Amino acid sequence: MKAISFTVFLSAVALFLFGCVHNAEERQLQEFVTAHTAKVEPLSDEANLAYWDASTTGKSEYYDKLSRLQIRIRRIHSDPQEYAFLKDAKECGKVKDAGLARQLDKLYYGYLQNQIEPGLLERIVDADTKVQEKYNNFRGTVEGKKVTNSEVYAILTTERDVRKRELAWKASKQVGEAIIDDLLQLVKLRNQAARKLGFDNYHTLSIVTGEQSRKELDRIFDELGELTGEPFARLKEELDRILADGYGIAPADLMPWHYHDPFFQRTPLVYDRDLDLYYKGKDVKELSQEYYAGVGLPVDDILARSDLYDRQNKYPHAFSHDLDRKGDVRILCNLQNTERWMETILHELGHAVYSKYHDPDEPWLLREPAHSFTTEAIAMFFGRLSRNAAWMQEMLDLSDKERTEIEQVSEKYLRFGQVLFARWAMVMYNFEKQLYADPDQDLNNLWWDLVEKYQLIKRPPGPADAGWASKLHFTTAPCYYHNYMLGELLASQLHHHIVHDVFKLDSDNNLSYVGNKALGDYLRQEVLGPGARYHWNDMIERATGEPLRPKYFVEQFVE
């Protein structure tokens, strides 16, 4: 480690004294990349496995191991001499090879966010791991009985007893109170590190090192806010009437637990047909396996390595995990045979195929998605199918009559679901901006201010608590949620391009995406295969003919 850093230091001095010599920078950078990969790749593989073991068992020993490995990796990225070398290489502008330049960008931003003194870095990693462990192992209680997240979702989806619904909803929020002190300490440590790097707070640092612009993100969210406000209010007014009638109350008396999701980020299944009925008795794992094979993206090996069903001490939600960038890709779920879990496994396998089907000949640093939101886009593209009437008919072997019944509500579910998610994403994006801008403010009431503004949900009576902290992304994926919304925008843009330019269709009427290998061929060639070879907007323009635009999402779901 010291020998490499000293060599890099000498290279940086030479660049400073003698200026950039043609090709010398690329040769030195390639040597740096080779040495860096040799150090980081095995540690990354080991950390990824530790995270998997921790998530599937809940054992402290794996969280401790993960913490130690993360510190080792971040210490490598915190080396100031190596950062100086990368900064000089980037600023001199002489790295012309496109692949090497992309690796330089990845390294530069990776090092920039880790230029933190060792003591502070270790405190951040330890605090992060502590919060995650406490969160993952926590189970809320209903009248003294522990309940899993799957049980909470089942109650909120089907239970008619309002008291039981309220207790389940509150149980889903209890983890927020359990972790809030540790979480706020972590937020302040992240801010402390960001300010030492010259940023106003950690949220801004995350946006910049994610190769994004907060100004552009604010513009996108403001535009979506204006375009979705009136349509959302109309859809929610209709929903509220249906829910209120079902509970025998007035719409004005609806509370958060009357909806079917703890955060009202998914559409309640109330429109005449309950889509869960069509998945009852089916195996969502087998359905997803059959579907992906039919479009030329088989996932048998992914599912064979995966952990798919609920149990004590296991991470209670779902994720996809690329362990080694060499094909060992897995998903974690807590499956039930419902529409919600059909969507979830399609979604997580979308992430997984992005990791599986990258070009293995690309350098290790580029064997990952172009951006976190581009893999979200692929996951969302596939996840939307769980409510697609044409897809459901073919995959579930439904009659024409059943398909017609589904079509009567699926369009509404899809449209409301997307508009609802846009409003929910606005809550998350704006709250997290303000959380990191001032973590000492009254966050509990701020949360409900934003929920009332964007989601039109009434806050419960009594003092506001820290139930907002039960949203797992505050702990496991900070300053990330806006990428889900960007993913939805890109999913719609990909859909439009595939319909009109790949399939050569006039519209997406009756399009199921079942059994069409042209879909898999296109995605493997234009999106999955390149990995991080191109900047995310360059990849999007190559794949769809234009950079990322919100208009296709608006056309598909709002207008």
Protein backbone atom coordinates (compact mmCIF):
# COMPACT_ATOMS: atom_id res chain seq x y z
CA MET A 1 0.00 0.00 0.00
CA LYS A 2 2.73 2.45 0.96
CA ALA A 3 4.84 1.61 -2.09
CA ILE A 4 1.91 2.19 -4.42
CA SER A 5 0.98 5.47 -2.75
CA PHE A 6 4.59 6.71 -2.94
CA THR A 7 4.75 5.86 -6.65
CA VAL A 8 1.51 7.68 -7.24
CA PHE A 9 2.83 10.65 -5.29
CA LEU A 10 5.92 10.83 -7.50
CA SER A 11 3.71 10.65 -10.58
CA ALA A 12 1.62 13.53 -9.29
CA VAL A 13 4.74 15.61 -8.61
CA ALA A 14 6.05 14.90 -12.10
CA LEU A 15 2.75 16.00 -13.63
CA PHE A 16 2.81 19.20 -11.60
CA LEU A 17 6.39 20.05 -12.51
CA PHE A 18 6.50 19.04 -16.13
CA GLY A 19 2.88 19.30 -17.25
CA CYS A 20 0.87 16.62 -19.06
CA VAL A 21 2.92 14.60 -21.51
CA HIS A 22 0.92 12.95 -24.32
CA ASN A 23 0.16 9.27 -23.49
CA ALA A 24 2.18 9.35 -20.26
CA GLU A 25 -0.95 10.15 -18.27
CA GLU A 26 -2.90 7.29 -19.81
CA ARG A 27 -0.04 4.85 -19.12
CA GLN A 28 0.25 6.01 -15.51
CA LEU A 29 -3.50 5.94 -15.05
CA GLN A 30 -3.76 2.42 -16.43
CA GLU A 31 -1.06 1.30 -14.01
CA PHE A 32 -3.00 2.94 -11.19
CA VAL A 33 -6.26 1.26 -12.25
CA THR A 34 -4.59 -2.15 -12.40
CA ALA A 35 -3.05 -1.74 -8.94
CA HIS A 36 -6.26 -0.32 -7.49
CA THR A 37 -8.42 -3.15 -8.84
CA ALA A 38 -6.00 -5.75 -7.48
CA LYS A 39 -6.48 -4.26 -4.00
CA VAL A 40 -10.18 -3.47 -4.02
CA GLU A 41 -11.78 -6.30 -6.01
CA PRO A 42 -11.14 -9.11 -3.49
CA LEU A 43 -12.17 -6.88 -0.59
CA SER A 44 -15.34 -5.90 -2.44
CA ASP A 45 -16.20 -9.55 -3.08
CA GLU A 46 -15.65 -10.38 0.57
CA ALA A 47 -17.74 -7.41 1.76
CA ASN A 48 -20.57 -8.30 -0.61
CA LEU A 49 -20.66 -11.84 0.76
CA ALA A 50 -20.61 -10.52 4.35
CA TYR A 51 -23.58 -8.25 3.54
CA TRP A 52 -25.46 -11.20 2.07
CA ASP A 53 -24.73 -13.36 5.12
CA ALA A 54 -25.73 -10.54 7.47
CA SER A 55 -28.99 -9.90 5.60
CA THR A 56 -29.99 -13.56 5.45
CA THR A 57 -29.12 -14.44 9.06
CA GLY A 58 -29.18 -11.22 11.08
CA LYS A 59 -26.03 -12.40 12.91
CA SER A 60 -23.83 -9.75 14.53
CA GLU A 61 -20.64 -11.49 13.45
CA TYR A 62 -21.42 -10.81 9.79
CA TYR A 63 -22.29 -7.18 10.45
CA ASP A 64 -19.01 -6.79 12.33
CA LYS A 65 -17.13 -8.37 9.43
CA LEU A 66 -18.94 -6.13 6.96
CA SER A 67 -18.03 -3.06 8.98
CA ARG A 68 -14.33 -4.00 9.07
CA LEU A 69 -14.25 -4.65 5.32
CA GLN A 70 -16.06 -1.42 4.50
CA ILE A 71 -13.56 0.52 6.56
CA ARG A 72 -10.66 -1.14 4.73
CA ILE A 73 -12.18 -0.31 1.34
CA ARG A 74 -12.98 3.26 2.31
CA ARG A 75 -9.50 3.77 3.70
CA ILE A 76 -8.09 2.84 0.31
CA HIS A 77 -10.35 5.44 -1.27
CA SER A 78 -9.38 8.01 1.34
CA ASP A 79 -5.67 8.05 0.45
CA PRO A 80 -4.92 11.76 -0.17
CA GLN A 81 -1.92 11.12 -2.43
CA GLU A 82 -3.89 8.82 -4.68
CA TYR A 83 -6.74 11.31 -4.77
CA ALA A 84 -4.28 14.06 -5.77
CA PHE A 85 -3.05 11.88 -8.62
CA LEU A 86 -6.60 11.23 -9.86
CA LYS A 87 -7.53 14.90 -9.54
CA ASP A 88 -4.48 15.94 -11.58
CA ALA A 89 -5.20 13.28 -14.20
CA LYS A 90 -8.78 14.49 -14.53
CA GLU A 91 -7.94 18.18 -14.66
CA CYS A 92 -5.10 17.93 -17.17
CA GLY A 93 -7.57 16.62 -19.78
CA LYS A 94 -5.06 14.37 -21.54
CA VAL A 95 -6.82 11.05 -20.92
CA LYS A 96 -8.42 10.55 -24.32
CA ASP A 97 -9.19 6.82 -24.26
CA ALA A 98 -12.95 6.65 -23.59
CA GLY A 99 -12.88 3.51 -21.45
CA LEU A 100 -9.98 4.76 -19.36
CA ALA A 101 -11.64 8.17 -18.96
CA ARG A 102 -14.80 6.53 -17.61
CA GLN A 103 -12.73 4.56 -15.11
CA LEU A 104 -11.05 7.79 -14.09
CA ASP A 105 -14.45 9.39 -13.46
CA LYS A 106 -15.55 6.43 -11.33
CA LEU A 107 -12.35 6.52 -9.30
CA TYR A 108 -12.28 10.29 -8.91
CA TYR A 109 -15.78 10.52 -7.44
CA GLY A 110 -15.20 7.42 -5.34
CA TYR A 111 -12.09 8.96 -3.83
CA LEU A 112 -13.61 12.44 -3.50
CA GLN A 113 -16.39 11.31 -1.19
CA ASN A 114 -13.89 9.43 0.98
CA GLN A 115 -11.36 12.18 1.63
CA ILE A 116 -12.19 11.92 5.30
CA GLU A 117 -9.83 11.63 8.24
CA PRO A 118 -9.49 7.97 9.35
CA GLY A 119 -11.09 8.47 12.76
CA LEU A 120 -14.21 10.12 11.35
CA LEU A 121 -14.44 7.56 8.55
CA GLU A 122 -14.38 4.72 11.06
CA ARG A 123 -17.09 6.39 13.16
CA ILE A 124 -19.31 6.76 10.08
CA VAL A 125 -18.96 3.12 9.04
CA ASP A 126 -19.50 1.85 12.59
CA ALA A 127 -22.58 4.05 13.04
CA ASP A 128 -23.97 2.99 9.66
CA THR A 129 -23.52 -0.70 10.44
CA LYS A 130 -25.07 -0.28 13.90
CA VAL A 131 -28.19 1.34 12.45
CA GLN A 132 -28.56 -1.30 9.75
CA GLU A 133 -28.16 -4.17 12.20
CA LYS A 134 -30.72 -2.70 14.62
CA TYR A 135 -33.13 -2.00 11.76
CA ASN A 136 -32.83 -5.43 10.15
CA ASN A 137 -33.31 -7.33 13.41
CA PHE A 138 -36.20 -5.23 14.72
CA ARG A 139 -39.75 -6.60 14.62
CA GLY A 140 -42.72 -4.48 15.55
CA THR A 141 -45.38 -5.76 17.92
CA VAL A 142 -49.15 -5.85 17.85
CA GLU A 143 -50.64 -6.32 21.32
CA GLY A 144 -47.39 -7.84 22.54
CA LYS A 145 -46.92 -10.20 19.58
CA LYS A 146 -44.06 -9.69 17.14
CA VAL A 147 -45.09 -9.28 13.51
CA THR A 148 -43.07 -9.41 10.30
CA ASN A 149 -43.35 -6.82 7.55
CA SER A 150 -45.11 -9.40 5.39
CA GLU A 151 -47.74 -9.84 8.10
CA VAL A 152 -48.18 -6.07 8.36
CA TYR A 153 -48.70 -5.79 4.59
CA ALA A 154 -51.20 -8.65 4.68
CA ILE A 155 -53.19 -6.92 7.43
CA LEU A 156 -53.17 -3.56 5.65
CA THR A 157 -54.27 -5.20 2.41
CA THR A 158 -57.09 -7.42 3.68
CA GLU A 159 -58.13 -6.61 7.26
CA ARG A 160 -61.53 -4.94 7.69
CA ASP A 161 -61.19 -4.31 11.44
CA VAL A 162 -59.99 -0.70 11.67
CA ARG A 163 -58.44 -1.15 15.12
CA LYS A 164 -56.31 -4.05 13.87
CA ARG A 165 -55.27 -1.97 10.87
CA GLU A 166 -54.24 0.92 13.11
CA LEU A 167 -52.19 -1.36 15.36
CA ALA A 168 -50.45 -2.98 12.36
CA TRP A 169 -49.68 0.41 10.81
CA LYS A 170 -48.21 1.66 14.07
CA ALA A 171 -46.20 -1.57 14.43
CA SER A 172 -44.62 -0.88 11.03
CA LYS A 173 -43.37 2.47 12.36
CA GLN A 174 -41.97 1.31 15.70
CA VAL A 175 -38.51 0.68 14.29
CA GLY A 176 -38.24 4.42 13.55
CA GLU A 177 -38.37 5.27 17.23
CA ALA A 178 -35.91 2.46 17.98
CA ILE A 179 -33.22 3.78 15.62
CA ILE A 180 -33.86 7.52 15.48
CA ASP A 181 -31.08 8.63 17.84
CA ASP A 182 -28.47 6.49 16.07
CA LEU A 183 -29.75 7.57 12.65
CA LEU A 184 -29.52 11.28 13.46
CA GLN A 185 -26.01 10.78 14.82
CA LEU A 186 -25.10 9.12 11.51
CA VAL A 187 -26.64 12.01 9.55
CA LYS A 188 -24.53 14.50 11.51
CA LEU A 189 -21.35 12.46 10.99
CA ARG A 190 -22.03 12.33 7.25
CA ASN A 191 -22.57 16.09 7.21
CA GLN A 192 -19.37 16.64 9.16
CA ALA A 193 -17.44 14.68 6.55
CA ALA A 194 -19.13 16.48 3.64
CA ARG A 195 -18.31 19.92 5.04
CA LYS A 196 -14.66 18.98 5.42
CA LEU A 197 -14.73 18.30 1.67
CA GLY A 198 -16.19 21.73 0.89
CA PHE A 199 -19.87 20.78 0.48
CA ASP A 200 -22.73 22.33 2.43
CA ASN A 201 -24.01 18.90 3.50
CA TYR A 202 -23.97 15.21 2.70
CA HIS A 203 -27.01 15.40 0.43
CA THR A 204 -25.20 17.79 -1.91
CA LEU A 205 -22.06 15.66 -1.80
CA SER A 206 -24.07 12.56 -2.77
CA ILE A 207 -25.68 14.32 -5.74
CA VAL A 208 -22.35 15.62 -7.08
CA THR A 209 -20.44 12.37 -6.65
CA GLY A 210 -23.38 10.60 -8.30
CA GLU A 211 -22.67 12.65 -11.44
CA GLN A 212 -25.94 14.56 -11.07
CA SER A 213 -27.02 18.16 -10.55
CA ARG A 214 -29.23 19.25 -7.65
CA LYS A 215 -30.46 22.18 -9.76
CA GLU A 216 -31.57 19.78 -12.49
CA LEU A 217 -33.16 17.42 -9.97
CA ASP A 218 -35.06 20.31 -8.41
CA ARG A 219 -36.29 21.33 -11.87
CA ILE A 220 -37.49 17.81 -12.67
CA PHE A 221 -39.31 17.41 -9.36
CA ASP A 222 -40.88 20.87 -9.58
CA GLU A 223 -42.12 20.09 -13.10
CA LEU A 224 -43.53 16.74 -12.03
CA GLY A 225 -45.15 18.38 -9.03
CA GLU A 226 -47.04 20.78 -11.26
CA LEU A 227 -48.02 18.14 -13.82
CA THR A 228 -49.21 15.54 -11.30
CA GLY A 229 -50.89 17.72 -8.66
CA GLU A 230 -54.36 17.99 -10.20
CA PRO A 231 -54.53 14.44 -11.64
CA PHE A 232 -53.42 13.01 -8.30
CA ALA A 233 -56.03 15.00 -6.37
CA ARG A 234 -58.78 13.66 -8.67
CA LEU A 235 -57.61 10.06 -8.42
CA LYS A 236 -57.22 10.23 -4.66
CA GLU A 237 -60.66 11.79 -4.20
CA GLU A 238 -62.18 8.80 -6.01
CA LEU A 239 -60.06 6.38 -4.00
CA ASP A 240 -61.03 8.03 -0.73
CA ARG A 241 -64.73 7.64 -1.51
CA ILE A 242 -64.25 3.92 -2.18
CA LEU A 243 -62.19 3.38 0.96
CA ALA A 244 -64.52 5.42 3.16
CA ASP A 245 -67.58 3.52 1.91
CA GLY A 246 -65.82 0.25 2.69
CA TYR A 247 -65.09 1.31 6.26
CA GLY A 248 -68.45 3.01 6.77
CA ILE A 249 -66.91 6.42 7.49
CA ALA A 250 -66.70 9.80 5.80
CA PRO A 251 -63.73 10.46 3.48
CA ALA A 252 -62.63 13.27 5.81
CA ASP A 253 -62.17 10.69 8.58
CA LEU A 254 -59.66 8.53 6.68
CA MET A 255 -56.35 8.07 8.47
CA PRO A 256 -53.00 6.68 7.23
CA TRP A 257 -53.85 3.12 8.36
CA HIS A 258 -56.92 3.04 6.13
CA TYR A 259 -54.65 2.79 3.09
CA HIS A 260 -52.97 -0.44 1.99
CA ASP A 261 -49.32 0.53 2.39
CA PRO A 262 -47.55 1.94 5.47
CA PHE A 263 -46.35 4.94 3.46
CA PHE A 264 -49.13 5.09 0.84
CA GLN A 265 -46.61 4.52 -1.92
CA ARG A 266 -48.66 1.84 -3.67
CA THR A 267 -52.24 1.95 -4.93
CA PRO A 268 -54.76 0.10 -2.72
CA LEU A 269 -56.33 -2.83 -4.55
CA VAL A 270 -59.91 -1.57 -4.32
CA TYR A 271 -61.12 -0.96 -7.87
CA ASP A 272 -63.77 -3.64 -8.39
CA ARG A 273 -61.24 -6.40 -8.95
CA ASP A 274 -58.62 -7.44 -6.40
CA LEU A 275 -55.63 -8.42 -8.55
CA ASP A 276 -54.35 -10.69 -5.77
CA LEU A 277 -57.14 -13.09 -6.70
CA TYR A 278 -55.43 -13.95 -9.97
CA TYR A 279 -52.12 -14.78 -8.28
CA LYS A 280 -53.65 -16.94 -5.55
CA GLY A 281 -52.55 -20.53 -6.03
CA LYS A 282 -49.84 -19.49 -8.49
CA ASP A 283 -46.08 -19.55 -7.82
CA VAL A 284 -44.65 -16.08 -8.42
CA LYS A 285 -41.12 -17.50 -8.49
CA GLU A 286 -41.96 -19.93 -11.29
CA LEU A 287 -43.89 -17.28 -13.19
CA SER A 288 -40.94 -14.88 -13.12
CA GLN A 289 -38.53 -17.64 -14.10
CA GLU A 290 -40.70 -18.59 -17.08
CA TYR A 291 -41.18 -14.99 -18.16
CA TYR A 292 -37.53 -13.96 -18.15
CA ALA A 293 -36.54 -17.11 -20.04
CA GLY A 294 -39.16 -16.28 -22.66
CA VAL A 295 -37.64 -12.88 -23.44
CA GLY A 296 -34.12 -14.28 -23.70
CA LEU A 297 -32.89 -13.28 -20.25
CA PRO A 298 -32.89 -16.57 -18.30
CA VAL A 299 -32.54 -16.23 -14.53
CA ASP A 300 -32.39 -19.87 -13.38
CA ASP A 301 -28.88 -19.49 -11.96
CA ILE A 302 -29.85 -16.28 -10.16
CA LEU A 303 -32.85 -17.89 -8.49
CA ALA A 304 -30.84 -20.99 -7.54
CA ARG A 305 -28.51 -18.81 -5.45
CA SER A 306 -31.24 -16.59 -4.03
CA ASP A 307 -33.02 -16.44 -0.65
CA LEU A 308 -36.69 -16.04 -1.38
CA TYR A 309 -38.91 -16.72 1.63
CA ASP A 310 -39.65 -15.07 4.96
CA ARG A 311 -38.11 -16.22 8.25
CA GLN A 312 -37.00 -14.83 11.59
CA ASN A 313 -33.90 -12.56 11.65
CA LYS A 314 -33.82 -12.18 7.89
CA TYR A 315 -33.85 -8.77 6.18
CA PRO A 316 -37.58 -8.00 5.91
CA HIS A 317 -37.76 -6.43 2.46
CA ALA A 318 -36.12 -7.27 -0.88
CA PHE A 319 -32.98 -6.47 -2.88
CA SER A 320 -30.74 -7.69 -5.68
CA HIS A 321 -27.06 -8.29 -4.97
CA ASP A 322 -24.12 -8.67 -7.34
CA LEU A 323 -21.46 -10.39 -5.27
CA ASP A 324 -18.48 -10.37 -7.63
CA ARG A 325 -19.24 -8.69 -11.00
CA LYS A 326 -18.46 -12.09 -12.53
CA GLY A 327 -21.92 -13.63 -12.56
CA ASP A 328 -22.70 -14.43 -8.93
CA VAL A 329 -25.92 -12.42 -8.77
CA ARG A 330 -28.66 -13.13 -6.22
CA ILE A 331 -31.92 -11.68 -5.00
CA LEU A 332 -33.41 -11.62 -1.52
CA CYS A 333 -37.20 -11.62 -1.16
CA ASN A 334 -39.88 -12.67 1.31
CA LEU A 335 -42.27 -14.05 -1.27
CA GLN A 336 -46.00 -14.57 -1.06
CA ASN A 337 -48.23 -15.38 -4.01
CA THR A 338 -49.71 -11.90 -4.34
CA GLU A 339 -49.60 -9.14 -6.93
CA ARG A 340 -47.32 -7.12 -4.68
CA TRP A 341 -44.71 -9.89 -4.58
CA MET A 342 -45.17 -10.65 -8.27
CA GLU A 343 -44.19 -7.04 -8.90
CA THR A 344 -41.34 -7.29 -6.41
CA ILE A 345 -39.70 -10.40 -7.85
CA LEU A 346 -40.03 -9.07 -11.41
CA HIS A 347 -38.46 -5.83 -10.16
CA GLU A 348 -35.55 -7.46 -8.31
CA LEU A 349 -34.82 -9.79 -11.20
CA GLY A 350 -34.70 -6.69 -13.41
CA HIS A 351 -31.85 -5.43 -11.25
CA ALA A 352 -30.29 -8.88 -11.34
CA VAL A 353 -30.27 -9.26 -15.13
CA TYR A 354 -28.62 -5.83 -15.40
CA SER A 355 -25.79 -7.20 -13.25
CA LYS A 356 -25.69 -10.63 -14.88
CA TYR A 357 -25.62 -9.57 -18.51
CA HIS A 358 -22.96 -6.89 -18.51
CA ASP A 359 -20.07 -7.47 -20.92
CA PRO A 360 -17.57 -9.66 -19.03
CA ASP A 361 -14.74 -8.21 -21.12
CA GLU A 362 -15.24 -4.75 -19.67
CA PRO A 363 -12.79 -3.67 -16.92
CA TRP A 364 -13.90 -4.46 -13.37
CA LEU A 365 -14.67 -0.80 -12.62
CA LEU A 366 -17.15 -0.67 -15.52
CA ARG A 367 -18.89 -3.98 -14.82
CA GLU A 368 -21.82 -2.29 -13.13
CA PRO A 369 -24.85 -0.25 -14.27
CA ALA A 370 -24.33 3.12 -15.95
CA HIS A 371 -25.98 4.66 -12.89
CA SER A 372 -28.04 3.49 -9.95
CA PHE A 373 -31.18 4.94 -11.53
CA THR A 374 -30.61 3.12 -14.83
CA THR A 375 -30.78 -0.22 -13.06
CA GLU A 376 -33.88 1.06 -11.26
CA ALA A 377 -35.35 1.79 -14.69
CA ILE A 378 -34.89 -1.80 -15.85
CA ALA A 379 -36.33 -3.11 -12.58
CA MET A 380 -39.36 -0.82 -12.90
CA PHE A 381 -39.81 -1.64 -16.58
CA PHE A 382 -40.33 -5.29 -15.66
CA GLY A 383 -42.11 -4.68 -12.35
CA ARG A 384 -44.92 -2.81 -14.10
CA LEU A 385 -45.97 -6.04 -15.81
CA SER A 386 -47.62 -7.51 -12.70
CA ARG A 387 -50.67 -5.27 -13.38
CA ASN A 388 -50.60 -5.51 -17.18
CA ALA A 389 -53.77 -7.27 -18.35
CA ALA A 390 -52.20 -8.72 -21.52
CA TRP A 391 -49.20 -10.00 -19.54
CA MET A 392 -51.43 -11.46 -16.83
CA GLN A 393 -53.59 -13.28 -19.38
CA GLU A 394 -50.63 -14.97 -21.05
CA MET A 395 -48.67 -15.76 -17.90
CA LEU A 396 -51.64 -16.79 -15.73
CA ASP A 397 -53.58 -18.53 -18.53
CA LEU A 398 -56.64 -16.36 -18.03
CA SER A 399 -59.76 -16.33 -20.17
CA ASP A 400 -60.74 -13.42 -22.39
CA LYS A 401 -63.51 -12.64 -19.89
CA GLU A 402 -61.00 -12.46 -17.03
CA ARG A 403 -58.69 -10.29 -19.06
CA THR A 404 -61.54 -7.90 -19.83
CA GLU A 405 -62.35 -7.70 -16.13
CA ILE A 406 -58.71 -6.91 -15.35
CA GLU A 407 -58.49 -4.30 -18.10
CA GLN A 408 -61.34 -2.42 -16.49
CA VAL A 409 -59.12 -1.70 -13.50
CA SER A 410 -55.50 -2.33 -14.57
CA GLU A 411 -55.22 0.92 -16.54
CA LYS A 412 -56.43 2.80 -13.47
CA TYR A 413 -54.06 0.87 -11.22
CA LEU A 414 -51.10 1.58 -13.49
CA ARG A 415 -51.91 5.25 -13.98
CA PHE A 416 -52.75 5.94 -10.33
CA GLY A 417 -49.77 3.87 -9.21
CA GLN A 418 -47.32 5.92 -11.21
CA VAL A 419 -48.82 9.31 -10.31
CA LEU A 420 -48.98 8.22 -6.67
CA PHE A 421 -45.35 7.16 -6.73
CA ALA A 422 -44.30 10.49 -8.21
CA ARG A 423 -46.01 12.27 -5.32
CA TRP A 424 -44.43 9.91 -2.79
CA ALA A 425 -40.98 10.44 -4.32
CA MET A 426 -41.46 14.17 -3.84
CA VAL A 427 -41.96 13.58 -0.12
CA MET A 428 -38.77 11.56 0.11
CA TYR A 429 -36.64 13.88 -2.02
CA ASN A 430 -37.71 17.08 -0.29
CA PHE A 431 -37.59 15.60 3.21
CA GLU A 432 -34.09 14.20 2.77
CA LYS A 433 -32.81 17.50 1.41
CA GLN A 434 -34.10 19.22 4.54
CA LEU A 435 -32.99 16.41 6.85
CA TYR A 436 -29.37 16.94 5.85
CA ALA A 437 -29.71 20.72 5.65
CA ASP A 438 -30.76 20.85 9.32
CA PRO A 439 -30.99 17.56 11.25
CA ASP A 440 -31.83 19.45 14.48
CA GLN A 441 -35.12 20.88 13.22
CA ASP A 442 -38.52 19.37 14.06
CA LEU A 443 -38.24 16.51 11.59
CA ASN A 444 -41.31 14.64 12.77
CA ASN A 445 -43.67 17.52 11.97
CA LEU A 446 -41.72 18.37 8.81
CA TRP A 447 -42.42 14.85 7.60
CA TRP A 448 -46.17 15.21 8.05
CA ASP A 449 -46.14 18.67 6.48
CA LEU A 450 -44.72 17.14 3.31
CA VAL A 451 -47.02 14.09 3.42
CA GLU A 452 -50.06 16.39 3.69
CA LYS A 453 -48.77 18.60 0.88
CA TYR A 454 -47.82 15.94 -1.66
CA GLN A 455 -49.88 12.88 -0.71
CA LEU A 456 -52.96 14.57 0.79
CA ILE A 457 -52.85 12.18 3.77
CA LYS A 458 -54.04 13.43 7.15
CA ARG A 459 -51.54 13.16 10.00
CA PRO A 460 -52.65 11.00 12.95
CA PRO A 461 -53.74 12.69 16.18
CA GLY A 462 -51.27 13.31 18.98
CA PRO A 463 -47.60 14.32 18.92
CA ALA A 464 -45.74 13.38 15.73
CA ASP A 465 -43.23 10.57 16.30
CA ALA A 466 -40.23 9.36 14.31
CA GLY A 467 -42.17 6.78 12.32
CA TRP A 468 -40.68 8.31 9.16
CA ALA A 469 -37.34 6.74 10.11
CA SER A 470 -38.86 3.29 9.55
CA LYS A 471 -38.43 3.92 5.82
CA LEU A 472 -35.45 1.66 5.16
CA HIS A 473 -33.85 3.96 2.56
CA PHE A 474 -32.85 6.49 5.21
CA THR A 475 -30.62 3.79 6.69
CA THR A 476 -29.49 1.64 3.76
CA ALA A 477 -29.55 4.03 0.79
CA PRO A 478 -29.22 7.65 1.94
CA CYS A 479 -29.87 10.48 -0.54
CA TYR A 480 -30.87 7.91 -3.14
CA TYR A 481 -34.65 8.00 -3.46
CA HIS A 482 -34.77 10.51 -6.31
CA ASN A 483 -33.15 7.82 -8.45
CA TYR A 484 -36.34 5.76 -8.26
CA MET A 485 -38.24 8.60 -9.88
CA LEU A 486 -35.56 9.04 -12.54
CA GLY A 487 -35.83 5.29 -13.05
CA GLU A 488 -39.56 5.61 -13.71
CA LEU A 489 -38.87 8.34 -16.25
CA LEU A 490 -36.32 6.17 -18.04
CA ALA A 491 -38.55 3.07 -17.89
CA SER A 492 -41.22 5.02 -19.80
CA GLN A 493 -38.65 6.30 -22.29
CA LEU A 494 -37.37 2.76 -22.90
CA HIS A 495 -40.94 1.49 -23.25
CA HIS A 496 -41.71 4.16 -25.86
CA HIS A 497 -38.55 3.37 -27.81
CA ILE A 498 -39.08 -0.40 -27.71
CA VAL A 499 -42.71 -0.13 -28.83
CA HIS A 500 -42.08 2.24 -31.72
CA ASP A 501 -38.47 1.65 -32.79
CA VAL A 502 -37.66 -1.94 -31.79
CA PHE A 503 -41.02 -3.67 -32.25
CA LYS A 504 -42.15 -1.18 -34.94
CA LEU A 505 -45.67 -0.93 -33.46
CA ASP A 506 -48.04 2.01 -33.71
CA SER A 507 -49.06 1.73 -30.05
CA ASP A 508 -48.64 -0.45 -26.98
CA ASN A 509 -52.22 -1.72 -27.07
CA ASN A 510 -52.32 -5.41 -26.11
CA LEU A 511 -48.54 -5.49 -25.68
CA SER A 512 -47.56 -8.10 -23.08
CA TYR A 513 -43.79 -8.42 -23.64
CA VAL A 514 -44.26 -12.19 -23.17
CA GLY A 515 -42.06 -14.52 -25.22
CA ASN A 516 -40.49 -11.78 -27.37
CA LYS A 517 -36.75 -12.35 -27.45
CA ALA A 518 -36.27 -9.11 -29.38
CA LEU A 519 -36.79 -7.38 -26.03
CA GLY A 520 -33.94 -9.29 -24.39
CA ASP A 521 -31.69 -8.82 -27.42
CA TYR A 522 -32.23 -5.05 -27.40
CA LEU A 523 -31.66 -4.66 -23.68
CA ARG A 524 -28.54 -6.84 -23.66
CA GLN A 525 -27.00 -4.93 -26.55
CA GLU A 526 -27.95 -1.35 -25.71
CA VAL A 527 -28.38 -1.18 -21.93
CA LEU A 528 -27.19 -4.19 -19.96
CA GLY A 529 -24.10 -5.12 -21.94
CA PRO A 530 -22.32 -1.74 -21.88
CA GLY A 531 -22.54 -1.55 -18.10
CA ALA A 532 -20.85 1.69 -17.02
CA ARG A 533 -18.91 2.10 -20.27
CA TYR A 534 -20.74 5.37 -20.97
CA HIS A 535 -21.92 8.24 -18.79
CA TRP A 536 -25.56 7.55 -17.93
CA ASN A 537 -27.03 10.19 -20.25
CA ASP A 538 -24.77 9.08 -23.10
CA MET A 539 -25.97 5.51 -22.62
CA ILE A 540 -29.60 6.66 -22.65
CA GLU A 541 -29.06 8.67 -25.83
CA ARG A 542 -27.34 5.72 -27.51
CA ALA A 543 -30.13 3.36 -26.43
CA THR A 544 -33.16 5.55 -27.19
CA GLY A 545 -31.92 8.25 -29.56
CA GLU A 546 -32.24 11.09 -27.05
CA PRO A 547 -31.16 12.01 -23.52
CA LEU A 548 -33.40 11.44 -20.50
CA ARG A 549 -36.72 13.27 -20.81
CA PRO A 550 -39.76 13.34 -18.47
CA LYS A 551 -42.23 13.64 -21.36
CA TYR A 552 -42.66 9.92 -21.99
CA PHE A 553 -43.64 9.28 -18.37
CA VAL A 554 -46.10 12.17 -18.56
CA GLU A 555 -47.54 10.90 -21.86
CA GLN A 556 -47.88 7.37 -20.52
CA PHE A 557 -49.41 8.08 -17.13
CA VAL A 558 -50.46 11.70 -16.66
CA GLU A 559 -51.92 13.13 -19.86
